[in-house]
Structures are given as structure tokens and as C-alpha cells.
Protein backbone atom coordinates (compact mmCIF):
# COMPACT_ATOMS: atom_id res chain seq x y z
CA MET A 1 -49.73 240.29 139.16
CA GLU A 2 -49.11 239.82 135.32
CA THR A 3 -51.76 239.63 132.86
CA THR A 4 -52.32 236.64 130.66
CA LYS A 5 -51.74 237.28 126.92
CA VAL A 6 -53.75 235.67 124.23
CA GLY A 7 -54.48 236.05 120.61
CA ILE A 8 -57.63 237.38 119.45
CA ARG A 9 -58.80 234.13 117.76
CA GLU A 10 -57.89 232.09 120.95
CA PHE A 11 -59.76 234.75 122.97
CA ARG A 12 -63.01 234.54 121.11
CA ALA A 13 -62.65 230.73 121.16
CA ASP A 14 -62.40 230.42 124.70
CA LEU A 15 -64.09 233.37 125.92
CA ALA A 16 -66.27 231.45 128.37
CA GLU A 17 -63.44 230.39 130.23
CA TYR A 18 -61.90 233.68 130.40
CA ILE A 19 -65.27 234.89 131.80
CA ALA A 20 -65.32 232.00 134.48
CA SER A 21 -61.64 232.67 135.52
CA GLY A 22 -62.50 236.20 136.53
CA MET A 23 -58.72 237.35 135.59
CA PRO A 24 -57.86 240.28 133.26
CA VAL A 25 -56.54 239.26 129.87
CA ALA A 26 -54.62 241.04 127.45
CA ILE A 27 -55.93 240.50 123.84
CA THR A 28 -53.23 240.57 121.21
CA ARG A 29 -53.18 240.68 117.39
CA HIS A 30 -49.94 239.59 115.53
CA GLY A 31 -48.12 239.92 118.82
CA GLN A 32 -49.38 243.49 119.80
CA THR A 33 -51.65 244.04 122.56
CA VAL A 34 -54.92 245.59 121.24
CA GLY A 35 -57.14 245.53 124.30
CA TYR A 36 -57.99 244.34 127.60
CA PHE A 37 -60.82 242.00 128.90
CA ILE A 38 -61.50 242.66 132.57
CA PRO A 39 -64.53 240.40 133.76
CA ALA A 40 -66.83 241.94 135.98
CA GLN A 41 -67.62 240.36 139.39
CA GLY A 42 -70.80 238.14 138.81
CA GLN A 43 -74.11 238.98 140.43
CA VAL A 44 -73.96 235.72 142.50
CA GLU A 45 -70.68 236.58 143.97
CA ALA A 46 -71.60 239.91 144.84
CA ASP A 47 -74.75 238.66 146.40
CA ILE A 48 -72.78 236.15 148.39
CA ALA A 49 -70.25 238.76 149.67
CA ALA A 50 -73.17 240.97 150.62
CA LEU A 51 -74.93 238.30 152.49
CA LYS A 52 -71.68 237.17 154.40
CA LYS A 53 -71.09 240.83 155.44
CA ALA A 54 -74.58 241.46 156.38
CA SER A 55 -74.38 237.97 158.65
CA ARG A 56 -71.28 239.24 160.23
CA THR A 57 -72.67 242.56 160.97
CA LEU A 58 -75.81 240.73 162.56
CA ASP A 59 -73.60 238.50 164.65
CA LYS A 60 -71.72 241.46 165.98
CA LEU A 61 -74.87 243.29 166.79
CA ILE A 62 -76.52 240.18 168.61
CA GLU A 63 -73.32 239.67 170.57
CA ALA A 64 -73.05 243.46 171.56
CA GLN A 65 -76.81 243.46 172.78
CA ASP A 66 -76.25 240.21 174.64
CA LEU A 67 -79.37 238.78 172.78
CA ASP A 68 -80.67 235.40 172.72
CA ILE A 69 -80.82 234.21 169.40
CA GLU A 70 -84.06 232.13 169.58
CA SER A 71 -85.84 235.24 170.84
CA VAL A 72 -84.58 237.36 167.88
CA VAL A 73 -85.59 234.62 165.32
CA THR A 74 -89.08 234.54 167.10
CA ASP A 75 -89.42 238.27 167.11
CA PHE A 76 -88.47 238.29 163.33
CA LYS A 77 -90.88 235.73 162.34
CA THR A 78 -93.78 237.45 164.36
CA ALA A 79 -92.77 240.86 162.53
CA ARG A 80 -92.65 238.99 158.97
CA LYS A 81 -96.20 237.55 159.58
CA LYS A 82 -97.57 241.06 160.64
CA THR A 83 -96.03 242.65 157.47
CA ALA A 84 -97.34 239.88 155.23
CA ALA A 85 -100.80 240.04 156.65
CA ALA A 86 -100.82 244.08 156.25
CA SER A 87 -99.49 243.40 152.71
CA LYS A 88 -102.22 241.07 151.88
CA LYS A 89 -104.93 243.38 153.33
CA SER A 90 -103.54 246.31 151.36
CA ARG A 91 -103.73 244.37 148.14
CA ALA A 92 -107.15 243.14 148.93
CA LYS A 93 -108.49 246.92 149.27
CA ALA A 94 -106.64 247.90 145.94
CA GLY A 95 -108.02 244.96 143.89
């Protein structure tokens, strides 16, 4: 992969585009490379990747255990309600 080279003024003018592209950029001044810009992966993309991985893992676990998805959803909702009720109760005691 070849790094795109851009002049420092062009880089400053189009910074938002270089961030959105996600590709590394070599920044030049008078034709000489003076630095590199390597955009970090955005939090949104990282969150989406983590959710996709968790979803694949959950699918594998459900398949391996030969579980009925509806019963898993029902169990999850029940556990969530219990947790919410316990949390609400402990906040009432603290307040």
C-alpha cells in the first residue's frame, strides 16, 4: 500500500476529508516528507466491530447448546427486570 503524499497547506485545508478516509497520509513541505498522519479508528467503528464479534460469539454459543432463541430472550428479559428492580431498591435505600 502506497501512502498518499500531500502538501502541508492542502493537508490543513482538507483535514476533515483525510480523517474520514481512514488512510495514512504523508505530509510534505517543499517536496520533502515532514510527517505522517495516521487516523485512529473511530469509536463508532470500534463499537460496531465489537458488537458484531459479540453477536457471532453468541450465535455460536446458542448453536452449540442447541438452545431455543425465544427462551433465551425470555430469560434475558426476566434477568434484566430483576437487575433493574434490585438497582432501584438499592438506590431507594441510599437516597
